[in-house]
C-alpha atoms as a PDB file:
ATOM      1  CA  UNK A   1     -43.226 -37.871  25.304  1.00  0.00           C
ATOM      2  CA  UNK A   2     -45.253 -40.483  23.424  1.00  0.00           C
ATOM      3  CA  UNK A   3     -42.716 -43.225  24.235  1.00  0.00           C
ATOM      4  CA  UNK A   4     -42.742 -42.298  27.921  1.00  0.00           C
ATOM      5  CA  UNK A   5     -46.531 -42.384  27.999  1.00  0.00           C
ATOM      6  CA  UNK A   6     -46.729 -45.832  26.408  1.00  0.00           C
ATOM      7  CA  UNK A   7     -44.106 -47.158  28.832  1.00  0.00           C
ATOM      8  CA  UNK A   8     -46.146 -45.829  31.757  1.00  0.00           C
ATOM      9  CA  UNK A   9     -49.333 -47.271  30.277  1.00  0.00           C
ATOM     10  CA  UNK A  10     -47.673 -50.691  29.933  1.00  0.00           C
ATOM     11  CA  UNK A  11     -46.952 -50.598  33.672  1.00  0.00           C
ATOM     12  CA  UNK A  12     -50.360 -49.463  34.931  1.00  0.00           C
ATOM     13  CA  UNK A  13     -52.792 -50.384  32.139  1.00  0.00           C
ATOM     14  CA  UNK A  14     -53.049 -54.169  32.677  1.00  0.00           C
ATOM     15  CA  UNK A  15     -53.546 -53.671  36.415  1.00  0.00           C
ATOM     16  CA  UNK A  16     -56.372 -51.185  35.910  1.00  0.00           C
ATOM     17  CA  UNK A  17     -58.086 -53.454  33.370  1.00  0.00           C
ATOM     18  CA  UNK A  18     -58.037 -56.476  35.709  1.00  0.00           C
ATOM     19  CA  UNK A  19     -59.304 -54.365  38.620  1.00  0.00           C
ATOM     20  CA  UNK A  20     -62.208 -53.175  36.460  1.00  0.00           C
ATOM     21  CA  UNK A  21     -62.910 -56.771  35.451  1.00  0.00           C
ATOM     22  CA  UNK A  22     -63.046 -57.665  39.138  1.00  0.00           C
ATOM     23  CA  UNK A  23     -65.696 -54.977  39.660  1.00  0.00           C
ATOM     24  CA  UNK A  24     -67.597 -56.225  36.593  1.00  0.00           C
ATOM     25  CA  UNK A  25     -67.416 -59.892  37.627  1.00  0.00           C
ATOM     26  CA  UNK A  26     -68.829 -58.949  41.027  1.00  0.00           C
ATOM     27  CA  UNK A  27     -71.705 -56.997  39.453  1.00  0.00           C
ATOM     28  CA  UNK A  28     -72.743 -59.876  37.180  1.00  0.00           C
ATOM     29  CA  UNK A  29     -72.380 -62.265  40.152  1.00  0.00           C
ATOM     30  CA  UNK A  30     -69.614 -64.307  38.531  1.00  0.00           C
ATOM     31  CA  UNK A  31     -67.730 -63.876  41.815  1.00  0.00           C
ATOM     32  CA  UNK A  32     -69.060 -63.217  45.314  1.00  0.00           C
ATOM     33  CA  UNK A  33     -67.804 -62.537  48.846  1.00  0.00           C
ATOM     34  CA  UNK A  34     -67.020 -66.209  49.404  1.00  0.00           C
ATOM     35  CA  UNK A  35     -64.880 -66.415  46.261  1.00  0.00           C
ATOM     36  CA  UNK A  36     -63.075 -63.187  47.196  1.00  0.00           C
ATOM     37  CA  UNK A  37     -62.399 -64.426  50.725  1.00  0.00           C
ATOM     38  CA  UNK A  38     -61.016 -67.775  49.547  1.00  0.00           C
ATOM     39  CA  UNK A  39     -59.065 -66.130  46.727  1.00  0.00           C
ATOM     40  CA  UNK A  40     -57.415 -63.659  49.103  1.00  0.00           C
ATOM     41  CA  UNK A  41     -56.447 -66.471  51.489  1.00  0.00           C
ATOM     42  CA  UNK A  42     -54.967 -68.497  48.627  1.00  0.00           C
ATOM     43  CA  UNK A  43     -52.937 -65.533  47.414  1.00  0.00           C
ATOM     44  CA  UNK A  44     -51.687 -64.508  50.859  1.00  0.00           C
ATOM     45  CA  UNK A  45     -50.853 -68.007  52.113  1.00  0.00           C
ATOM     46  CA  UNK A  46     -49.727 -69.831  48.965  1.00  0.00           C
ATOM     47  CA  UNK A  47     -49.250 -68.101  45.630  1.00  0.00           C
ATOM     48  CA  UNK A  48     -47.619 -64.806  46.696  1.00  0.00           C
ATOM     49  CA  UNK A  49     -45.200 -66.606  49.058  1.00  0.00           C
ATOM     50  CA  UNK A  50     -44.274 -68.800  46.068  1.00  0.00           C
ATOM     51  CA  UNK A  51     -43.320 -65.699  44.070  1.00  0.00           C
ATOM     52  CA  UNK A  52     -41.170 -64.365  46.902  1.00  0.00           C
ATOM     53  CA  UNK A  53     -39.555 -67.689  47.826  1.00  0.00           C
ATOM     54  CA  UNK A  54     -38.561 -68.761  44.327  1.00  0.00           C
ATOM     55  CA  UNK A  55     -37.586 -65.201  43.444  1.00  0.00           C
ATOM     56  CA  UNK A  56     -34.895 -65.261  46.136  1.00  0.00           C
ATOM     57  CA  UNK A  57     -34.038 -68.959  46.572  1.00  0.00           C
ATOM     58  CA  UNK A  58     -32.997 -69.529  42.959  1.00  0.00           C
ATOM     59  CA  UNK A  59     -30.633 -66.540  42.669  1.00  0.00           C
ATOM     60  CA  UNK A  60     -27.358 -65.561  44.395  1.00  0.00           C
ATOM     61  CA  UNK A  61     -27.759 -63.662  47.664  1.00  0.00           C
ATOM     62  CA  UNK A  62     -25.876 -60.628  46.344  1.00  0.00           C
ATOM     63  CA  UNK A  63     -28.605 -60.210  43.716  1.00  0.00           C
ATOM     64  CA  UNK A  64     -31.336 -60.161  46.367  1.00  0.00           C
ATOM     65  CA  UNK A  65     -30.062 -57.840  49.071  1.00  0.00           C
ATOM     66  CA  UNK A  66     -29.662 -54.220  47.996  1.00  0.00           C
ATOM     67  CA  UNK A  67     -28.727 -52.568  51.289  1.00  0.00           C
ATOM     68  CA  UNK A  68     -28.977 -48.890  50.219  1.00  0.00           C
ATOM     69  CA  UNK A  69     -32.396 -49.533  48.667  1.00  0.00           C
ATOM     70  CA  UNK A  70     -33.793 -51.321  51.728  1.00  0.00           C
ATOM     71  CA  UNK A  71     -32.319 -48.808  54.191  1.00  0.00           C
ATOM     72  CA  UNK A  72     -33.709 -45.867  52.235  1.00  0.00           C
ATOM     73  CA  UNK A  73     -37.178 -47.472  52.007  1.00  0.00           C
ATOM     74  CA  UNK A  74     -37.257 -48.268  55.722  1.00  0.00           C
ATOM     75  CA  UNK A  75     -35.994 -44.871  56.894  1.00  0.00           C
ATOM     76  CA  UNK A  76     -38.318 -43.027  54.501  1.00  0.00           C
ATOM     77  CA  UNK A  77     -41.297 -45.029  55.773  1.00  0.00           C
ATOM     78  CA  UNK A  78     -40.553 -44.231  59.422  1.00  0.00           C
ATOM     79  CA  UNK A  79     -40.088 -40.524  58.653  1.00  0.00           C
ATOM     80  CA  UNK A  80     -43.333 -40.478  56.670  1.00  0.00           C
ATOM     81  CA  UNK A  81     -45.266 -41.956  59.591  1.00  0.00           C
ATOM     82  CA  UNK A  82     -43.719 -39.456  62.029  1.00  0.00           C
ATOM     83  CA  UNK A  83     -44.702 -36.554  59.754  1.00  0.00           C
ATOM     84  CA  UNK A  84     -48.222 -37.941  59.333  1.00  0.00           C
ATOM     85  CA  UNK A  85     -48.560 -38.292  63.111  1.00  0.00           C
ATOM     86  CA  UNK A  86     -47.825 -34.587  63.450  1.00  0.00           C
ATOM     87  CA  UNK A  87     -50.024 -33.511  60.514  1.00  0.00           C
ATOM     88  CA  UNK A  88     -53.064 -35.756  61.085  1.00  0.00           C
ATOM     89  CA  UNK A  89     -54.800 -33.509  63.684  1.00  0.00           C
ATOM     90  CA  UNK A  90     -55.075 -30.784  61.019  1.00  0.00           C
ATOM     91  CA  UNK A  91     -57.189 -33.088  58.821  1.00  0.00           C
ATOM     92  CA  UNK A  92     -59.180 -35.487  61.039  1.00  0.00           C
ATOM     93  CA  UNK A  93     -60.504 -35.805  64.559  1.00  0.00           C
ATOM     94  CA  UNK A  94     -58.107 -37.321  67.063  1.00  0.00           C
ATOM     95  CA  UNK A  95     -59.955 -40.645  67.328  1.00  0.00           C
ATOM     96  CA  UNK A  96     -59.591 -41.150  63.553  1.00  0.00           C
ATOM     97  CA  UNK A  97     -55.902 -40.273  63.460  1.00  0.00           C
ATOM     98  CA  UNK A  98     -54.626 -43.852  63.397  1.00  0.00           C
ATOM     99  CA  UNK A  99     -56.855 -44.862  60.479  1.00  0.00           C
ATOM    100  CA  UNK A 100     -55.862 -41.699  58.606  1.00  0.00           C
ATOM    101  CA  UNK A 101     -52.127 -42.375  59.073  1.00  0.00           C
ATOM    102  CA  UNK A 102     -52.328 -46.050  58.143  1.00  0.00           C
ATOM    103  CA  UNK A 103     -54.396 -45.262  55.050  1.00  0.00           C
ATOM    104  CA  UNK A 104     -51.869 -42.650  53.965  1.00  0.00           C
ATOM    105  CA  UNK A 105     -48.649 -44.654  54.377  1.00  0.00           C
ATOM    106  CA  UNK A 106     -49.435 -48.380  54.103  1.00  0.00           C
ATOM    107  CA  UNK A 107     -49.167 -49.280  50.436  1.00  0.00           C
ATOM    108  CA  UNK A 108     -50.345 -52.443  48.702  1.00  0.00           C
ATOM    109  CA  UNK A 109     -46.784 -53.433  47.784  1.00  0.00           C
ATOM    110  CA  UNK A 110     -47.437 -57.162  47.919  1.00  0.00           C
ATOM    111  CA  UNK A 111     -49.909 -57.165  45.032  1.00  0.00           C
ATOM    112  CA  UNK A 112     -50.136 -53.915  43.095  1.00  0.00           C
ATOM    113  CA  UNK A 113     -46.606 -52.765  43.923  1.00  0.00           C
ATOM    114  CA  UNK A 114     -45.082 -56.031  42.707  1.00  0.00           C
ATOM    115  CA  UNK A 115     -47.350 -56.071  39.649  1.00  0.00           C
ATOM    116  CA  UNK A 116     -46.214 -52.592  38.600  1.00  0.00           C
ATOM    117  CA  UNK A 117     -42.525 -53.349  39.173  1.00  0.00           C
ATOM    118  CA  UNK A 118     -42.718 -56.629  37.237  1.00  0.00           C
ATOM    119  CA  UNK A 119     -44.538 -54.906  34.371  1.00  0.00           C
ATOM    120  CA  UNK A 120     -41.817 -52.255  34.281  1.00  0.00           C
ATOM    121  CA  UNK A 121     -38.665 -54.355  34.721  1.00  0.00           C
ATOM    122  CA  UNK A 122     -39.554 -58.007  34.217  1.00  0.00           C
ATOM    123  CA  UNK A 123     -38.938 -61.092  36.400  1.00  0.00           C
ATOM    124  CA  UNK A 124     -35.202 -60.340  36.718  1.00  0.00           C
ATOM    125  CA  UNK A 125     -36.008 -57.821  39.458  1.00  0.00           C
ATOM    126  CA  UNK A 126     -37.861 -60.388  41.614  1.00  0.00           C
ATOM    127  CA  UNK A 127     -34.984 -61.148  44.035  1.00  0.00           C
ATOM    128  CA  UNK A 128     -34.452 -57.472  44.831  1.00  0.00           C
ATOM    129  CA  UNK A 129     -38.126 -56.666  45.240  1.00  0.00           C
ATOM    130  CA  UNK A 130     -38.744 -59.799  47.348  1.00  0.00           C
ATOM    131  CA  UNK A 131     -36.252 -58.783  50.041  1.00  0.00           C
ATOM    132  CA  UNK A 132     -37.436 -55.174  49.959  1.00  0.00           C
ATOM    133  CA  UNK A 133     -41.031 -56.321  50.385  1.00  0.00           C
ATOM    134  CA  UNK A 134     -40.198 -58.760  53.179  1.00  0.00           C
ATOM    135  CA  UNK A 135     -38.428 -56.152  55.308  1.00  0.00           C
ATOM    136  CA  UNK A 136     -40.963 -53.395  54.651  1.00  0.00           C
ATOM    137  CA  UNK A 137     -43.827 -55.793  55.469  1.00  0.00           C
ATOM    138  CA  UNK A 138     -42.384 -56.277  58.959  1.00  0.00           C
ATOM    139  CA  UNK A 139     -42.011 -52.520  59.379  1.00  0.00           C
ATOM    140  CA  UNK A 140     -45.525 -51.803  58.062  1.00  0.00           C
ATOM    141  CA  UNK A 141     -47.098 -54.168  60.584  1.00  0.00           C
ATOM    142  CA  UNK A 142     -45.158 -52.734  63.513  1.00  0.00           C
ATOM    143  CA  UNK A 143     -46.015 -49.149  62.558  1.00  0.00           C
ATOM    144  CA  UNK A 144     -49.678 -49.980  61.931  1.00  0.00           C
ATOM    145  CA  UNK A 145     -50.078 -51.505  65.394  1.00  0.00           C
ATOM    146  CA  UNK A 146     -48.454 -48.405  66.886  1.00  0.00           C
ATOM    147  CA  UNK A 147     -50.574 -45.792  65.084  1.00  0.00           C
ATOM    148  CA  UNK A 148     -53.813 -47.643  65.800  1.00  0.00           C
ATOM    149  CA  UNK A 149     -53.053 -47.619  69.545  1.00  0.00           C
ATOM    150  CA  UNK A 150     -53.714 -51.312  70.001  1.00  0.00           C
ATOM    151  CA  UNK A 151     -53.131 -52.887  73.385  1.00  0.00           C
ATOM    152  CA  UNK A 152     -53.369 -56.318  71.804  1.00  0.00           C
ATOM    153  CA  UNK A 153     -50.081 -58.169  71.474  1.00  0.00           C
ATOM    154  CA  UNK A 154     -51.345 -60.709  68.952  1.00  0.00           C
ATOM    155  CA  UNK A 155     -50.152 -58.714  65.959  1.00  0.00           C
ATOM    156  CA  UNK A 156     -46.641 -58.435  67.340  1.00  0.00           C
ATOM    157  CA  UNK A 157     -46.374 -62.009  68.550  1.00  0.00           C
ATOM    158  CA  UNK A 158     -47.657 -63.422  65.249  1.00  0.00           C
ATOM    159  CA  UNK A 159     -45.691 -61.002  63.076  1.00  0.00           C
ATOM    160  CA  UNK A 160     -43.068 -63.538  62.134  1.00  0.00           C
ATOM    161  CA  UNK A 161     -45.726 -66.103  61.226  1.00  0.00           C
ATOM    162  CA  UNK A 162     -46.549 -63.910  58.242  1.00  0.00           C
ATOM    163  CA  UNK A 163     -46.304 -66.179  55.129  1.00  0.00           C
ATOM    164  CA  UNK A 164     -44.633 -63.421  53.096  1.00  0.00           C
ATOM    165  CA  UNK A 165     -41.891 -62.925  55.664  1.00  0.00           C
ATOM    166  CA  UNK A 166     -41.395 -66.692  56.045  1.00  0.00           C
ATOM    167  CA  UNK A 167     -41.114 -67.049  52.260  1.00  0.00           C
ATOM    168  CA  UNK A 168     -38.465 -64.339  51.930  1.00  0.00           C
ATOM    169  CA  UNK A 169     -36.395 -65.583  54.889  1.00  0.00           C
ATOM    170  CA  UNK A 170     -36.581 -69.191  53.640  1.00  0.00           C
ATOM    171  CA  UNK A 171     -35.566 -68.090  50.163  1.00  0.00           C
ATOM    172  CA  UNK A 172     -32.593 -66.143  51.504  1.00  0.00           C
ATOM    173  CA  UNK A 173     -31.471 -69.164  53.553  1.00  0.00           C
ATOM    174  CA  UNK A 174     -31.630 -71.429  50.484  1.00  0.00           C
ATOM    175  CA  UNK A 175     -29.773 -68.844  48.425  1.00  0.00           C
ATOM    176  CA  UNK A 176     -27.134 -68.104  51.060  1.00  0.00           C
ATOM    177  CA  UNK A 177     -26.341 -71.768  51.751  1.00  0.00           C
ATOM    178  CA  UNK A 178     -26.656 -72.851  48.137  1.00  0.00           C
ATOM    179  CA  UNK A 179     -29.450 -75.336  48.872  1.00  0.00           C
ATOM    180  CA  UNK A 180     -30.594 -76.740  45.506  1.00  0.00           C
ATOM    181  CA  UNK A 181     -34.257 -76.609  44.544  1.00  0.00           C
ATOM    182  CA  UNK A 182     -35.355 -79.634  42.446  1.00  0.00           C
ATOM    183  CA  UNK A 183     -36.625 -78.757  38.986  1.00  0.00           C
ATOM    184  CA  UNK A 184     -40.097 -80.219  39.560  1.00  0.00           C
ATOM    185  CA  UNK A 185     -40.466 -78.144  42.750  1.00  0.00           C
ATOM    186  CA  UNK A 186     -39.509 -75.001  40.838  1.00  0.00           C
ATOM    187  CA  UNK A 187     -41.978 -75.828  38.076  1.00  0.00           C
ATOM    188  CA  UNK A 188     -44.760 -76.381  40.622  1.00  0.00           C
ATOM    189  CA  UNK A 189     -43.922 -73.101  42.347  1.00  0.00           C
ATOM    190  CA  UNK A 190     -43.912 -71.253  39.045  1.00  0.00           C
ATOM    191  CA  UNK A 191     -47.416 -72.516  38.244  1.00  0.00           C
ATOM    192  CA  UNK A 192     -48.677 -71.180  41.559  1.00  0.00           C
ATOM    193  CA  UNK A 193     -46.762 -67.914  41.105  1.00  0.00           C
ATOM    194  CA  UNK A 194     -48.445 -67.218  37.784  1.00  0.00           C
ATOM    195  CA  UNK A 195     -51.854 -67.371  39.496  1.00  0.00           C
ATOM    196  CA  UNK A 196     -50.990 -64.617  41.945  1.00  0.00           C
ATOM    197  CA  UNK A 197     -51.427 -61.296  40.192  1.00  0.00           C
ATOM    198  CA  UNK A 198     -54.588 -61.936  38.142  1.00  0.00           C
ATOM    199  CA  UNK A 199     -56.362 -63.684  41.025  1.00  0.00           C
ATOM    200  CA  UNK A 200     -55.360 -61.043  43.572  1.00  0.00           C
ATOM    201  CA  UNK A 201     -56.311 -58.115  41.331  1.00  0.00           C
ATOM    202  CA  UNK A 202     -59.701 -59.635  40.479  1.00  0.00           C
ATOM    203  CA  UNK A 203     -60.369 -60.098  44.208  1.00  0.00           C
ATOM    204  CA  UNK A 204     -59.325 -56.516  44.986  1.00  0.00           C
ATOM    205  CA  UNK A 205     -61.590 -55.175  42.230  1.00  0.00           C
ATOM    206  CA  UNK A 206     -64.487 -57.306  43.452  1.00  0.00           C
ATOM    207  CA  UNK A 207     -64.027 -56.156  47.045  1.00  0.00           C
ATOM    208  CA  UNK A 208     -64.076 -52.376  46.420  1.00  0.00           C
ATOM    209  CA  UNK A 209     -66.886 -50.716  48.394  1.00  0.00           C
ATOM    210  CA  UNK A 210     -68.150 -47.378  47.039  1.00  0.00           C
ATOM    211  CA  UNK A 211     -70.830 -47.063  49.702  1.00  0.00           C
ATOM    212  CA  UNK A 212     -68.076 -46.473  52.262  1.00  0.00           C
ATOM    213  CA  UNK A 213     -66.723 -43.545  50.255  1.00  0.00           C
ATOM    214  CA  UNK A 214     -70.074 -41.761  50.102  1.00  0.00           C
ATOM    215  CA  UNK A 215     -70.356 -41.943  53.883  1.00  0.00           C
ATOM    216  CA  UNK A 216     -66.743 -40.932  54.610  1.00  0.00           C
ATOM    217  CA  UNK A 217     -65.914 -38.432  51.845  1.00  0.00           C
ATOM    218  CA  UNK A 218     -64.397 -35.761  54.086  1.00  0.00           C
ATOM    219  CA  UNK A 219     -62.113 -38.242  55.857  1.00  0.00           C
ATOM    220  CA  UNK A 220     -60.974 -39.975  52.659  1.00  0.00           C
ATOM    221  CA  UNK A 221     -59.776 -37.135  50.423  1.00  0.00           C
ATOM    222  CA  UNK A 222     -56.626 -36.176  52.334  1.00  0.00           C
ATOM    223  CA  UNK A 223     -55.314 -39.702  52.993  1.00  0.00           C
ATOM    224  CA  UNK A 224     -55.740 -40.290  49.251  1.00  0.00           C
ATOM    225  CA  UNK A 225     -53.802 -37.123  48.391  1.00  0.00           C
ATOM    226  CA  UNK A 226     -51.003 -38.099  50.757  1.00  0.00           C
ATOM    227  CA  UNK A 227     -50.825 -41.716  49.553  1.00  0.00           C
ATOM    228  CA  UNK A 228     -50.916 -41.073  45.824  1.00  0.00           C
ATOM    229  CA  UNK A 229     -49.301 -37.648  45.438  1.00  0.00           C
ATOM    230  CA  UNK A 230     -47.505 -36.068  48.376  1.00  0.00           C
ATOM    231  CA  UNK A 231     -45.692 -39.131  49.731  1.00  0.00           C
ATOM    232  CA  UNK A 232     -44.504 -40.459  46.339  1.00  0.00           C
ATOM    233  CA  UNK A 233     -43.314 -36.989  45.331  1.00  0.00           C
ATOM    234  CA  UNK A 234     -41.455 -36.412  48.607  1.00  0.00           C
ATOM    235  CA  UNK A 235     -39.927 -39.905  48.760  1.00  0.00           C
ATOM    236  CA  UNK A 236     -38.908 -39.937  45.102  1.00  0.00           C
ATOM    237  CA  UNK A 237     -37.456 -36.430  45.361  1.00  0.00           C
ATOM    238  CA  UNK A 238     -35.392 -37.512  48.377  1.00  0.00           C
ATOM    239  CA  UNK A 239     -34.250 -40.648  46.540  1.00  0.00           C
ATOM    240  CA  UNK A 240     -33.085 -38.541  43.589  1.00  0.00           C
ATOM    241  CA  UNK A 241     -31.214 -36.245  45.983  1.00  0.00           C
ATOM    242  CA  UNK A 242     -29.468 -39.294  47.477  1.00  0.00           C
ATOM    243  CA  UNK A 243     -28.362 -40.446  44.035  1.00  0.00           C
ATOM    244  CA  UNK A 244     -30.853 -43.195  43.187  1.00  0.00           C
ATOM    245  CA  UNK A 245     -31.403 -43.589  39.459  1.00  0.00           C
ATOM    246  CA  UNK A 246     -32.705 -46.073  36.898  1.00  0.00           C
ATOM    247  CA  UNK A 247     -34.198 -49.333  38.090  1.00  0.00           C
ATOM    248  CA  UNK A 248     -33.696 -48.643  41.810  1.00  0.00           C
ATOM    249  CA  UNK A 249     -35.419 -45.265  41.581  1.00  0.00           C
ATOM    250  CA  UNK A 250     -38.235 -46.790  39.541  1.00  0.00           C
ATOM    251  CA  UNK A 251     -38.722 -49.516  42.137  1.00  0.00           C
ATOM    252  CA  UNK A 252     -38.836 -46.990  44.986  1.00  0.00           C
ATOM    253  CA  UNK A 253     -41.291 -44.763  43.133  1.00  0.00           C
ATOM    254  CA  UNK A 254     -43.633 -47.625  42.239  1.00  0.00           C
ATOM    255  CA  UNK A 255     -43.620 -49.133  45.720  1.00  0.00           C
ATOM    256  CA  UNK A 256     -44.167 -45.756  47.408  1.00  0.00           C
ATOM    257  CA  UNK A 257     -46.954 -45.004  44.902  1.00  0.00           C
ATOM    258  CA  UNK A 258     -48.901 -48.230  45.484  1.00  0.00           C
ATOM    259  CA  UNK A 259     -52.474 -47.644  46.710  1.00  0.00           C
ATOM    260  CA  UNK A 260     -53.500 -48.317  50.294  1.00  0.00           C
ATOM    261  CA  UNK A 261     -53.238 -51.974  51.272  1.00  0.00           C
ATOM    262  CA  UNK A 262     -56.396 -53.999  51.851  1.00  0.00           C
ATOM    263  CA  UNK A 263     -54.770 -55.184  55.104  1.00  0.00           C
ATOM    264  CA  UNK A 264     -55.188 -51.661  56.473  1.00  0.00           C
ATOM    265  CA  UNK A 265     -58.971 -52.117  56.325  1.00  0.00           C
ATOM    266  CA  UNK A 266     -58.750 -55.484  58.090  1.00  0.00           C
ATOM    267  CA  UNK A 267     -56.660 -54.062  60.933  1.00  0.00           C
ATOM    268  CA  UNK A 268     -58.742 -50.895  61.241  1.00  0.00           C
ATOM    269  CA  UNK A 269     -61.952 -52.931  61.424  1.00  0.00           C
ATOM    270  CA  UNK A 270     -60.555 -55.171  64.152  1.00  0.00           C
ATOM    271  CA  UNK A 271     -58.809 -52.480  66.205  1.00  0.00           C
ATOM    272  CA  UNK A 272     -60.982 -49.352  65.773  1.00  0.00           C
ATOM    273  CA  UNK A 273     -64.578 -48.337  65.080  1.00  0.00           C
ATOM    274  CA  UNK A 274     -63.657 -46.771  61.732  1.00  0.00           C
ATOM    275  CA  UNK A 275     -63.344 -49.777  59.461  1.00  0.00           C
ATOM    276  CA  UNK A 276     -65.662 -48.206  56.858  1.00  0.00           C
ATOM    277  CA  UNK A 277     -63.405 -45.152  56.624  1.00  0.00           C
ATOM    278  CA  UNK A 278     -60.434 -47.453  55.981  1.00  0.00           C
ATOM    279  CA  UNK A 279     -62.415 -49.345  53.311  1.00  0.00           C
ATOM    280  CA  UNK A 280     -63.224 -46.073  51.555  1.00  0.00           C
ATOM    281  CA  UNK A 281     -59.537 -45.065  51.505  1.00  0.00           C
ATOM    282  CA  UNK A 282     -58.629 -48.429  49.947  1.00  0.00           C
ATOM    283  CA  UNK A 283     -61.332 -48.033  47.284  1.00  0.00           C
ATOM    284  CA  UNK A 284     -60.401 -44.462  46.372  1.00  0.00           C
ATOM    285  CA  UNK A 285     -56.613 -44.930  46.243  1.00  0.00           C
ATOM    286  CA  UNK A 286     -56.926 -48.168  44.271  1.00  0.00           C
ATOM    287  CA  UNK A 287     -59.180 -46.523  41.685  1.00  0.00           C
ATOM    288  CA  UNK A 288     -57.030 -43.421  41.122  1.00  0.00           C
ATOM    289  CA  UNK A 289     -53.632 -45.120  41.448  1.00  0.00           C
ATOM    290  CA  UNK A 290     -53.163 -45.994  37.777  1.00  0.00           C
ATOM    291  CA  UNK A 291     -53.531 -42.359  36.727  1.00  0.00           C
ATOM    292  CA  UNK A 292     -51.140 -40.884  39.303  1.00  0.00           C
ATOM    293  CA  UNK A 293     -48.504 -43.563  38.667  1.00  0.00           C
ATOM    294  CA  UNK A 294     -48.743 -43.060  34.904  1.00  0.00           C
ATOM    295  CA  UNK A 295     -48.178 -39.321  35.339  1.00  0.00           C
ATOM    296  CA  UNK A 296     -45.243 -39.907  37.673  1.00  0.00           C
ATOM    297  CA  UNK A 297     -43.555 -42.383  35.335  1.00  0.00           C
ATOM    298  CA  UNK A 298     -43.898 -40.007  32.403  1.00  0.00           C
ATOM    299  CA  UNK A 299     -42.275 -37.181  34.388  1.00  0.00           C
ATOM    300  CA  UNK A 300     -39.417 -39.355  35.699  1.00  0.00           C
ATOM    301  CA  UNK A 301     -38.640 -40.940  32.332  1.00  0.00           C
ATOM    302  CA  UNK A 302     -38.924 -37.647  30.432  1.00  0.00           C
ATOM    303  CA  UNK A 303     -36.294 -36.162  32.735  1.00  0.00           C
ATOM    304  CA  UNK A 304     -33.963 -39.144  32.406  1.00  0.00           C
ATOM    305  CA  UNK A 305     -34.221 -40.375  35.994  1.00  0.00           C
ATOM    306  CA  UNK A 306     -35.460 -43.875  35.114  1.00  0.00           C
END
């Protein structure tokens, strides 16, 4: 049991520490809203796309595309949203249903999910996780627009301008056609890639808003329970039943267990009147995530599944 615990701690511990440092840096005014805003833009538009592009472009296509893994993740996500749509009225008022559903299903795979998977399995898993993330990012955006009842078409029409999706597709094209990437370009991309996780995690820590939780306690508890406990347990149990084991099962568990994405707050603020509720869900799930993931990893590894 001790070995399993230390493995789990190696996956979640560094992430939790950097998040706490982000909170601390904000309190001592080492970083502010302007820094966080610029840092998030840099991560989303430059450094994270570098990780995804070079993770796929520099490896054979058959190493990047794991069809059973992607199909399972996509189908599970759709089924989760359908179930949440049916269950939401039991937990929140109807006008808050969309924010509740998005907070419960939309995980921060692009930052915390990737960080946990890389900590667990190393850079060799980058091609597989890049394609998985690219496809699920498209699905997440489509489902989020649907559950929030937006009549705006801007999210759909600009979906494929998403830098993460562009990076994955470009990487797959380079890989599939064998387009060589010059060494100096790879080195430059690797420098940017190494900035991604620490910068993003510091910005997430600095942007957590506890005031929102105090105001929205009743509406935050159940989305948190679904996001961190019920959904990972159900999805991982189904994956085990379908025969997933080892690295693939670990990847699915970690991605399904990621806390609520910061993007859910941005969309909720723009498309509903409950942005503060969404912010509180992000804060709560991000804070508790390390503990629930550690427990899950210990259980899965102790039973020989990963």
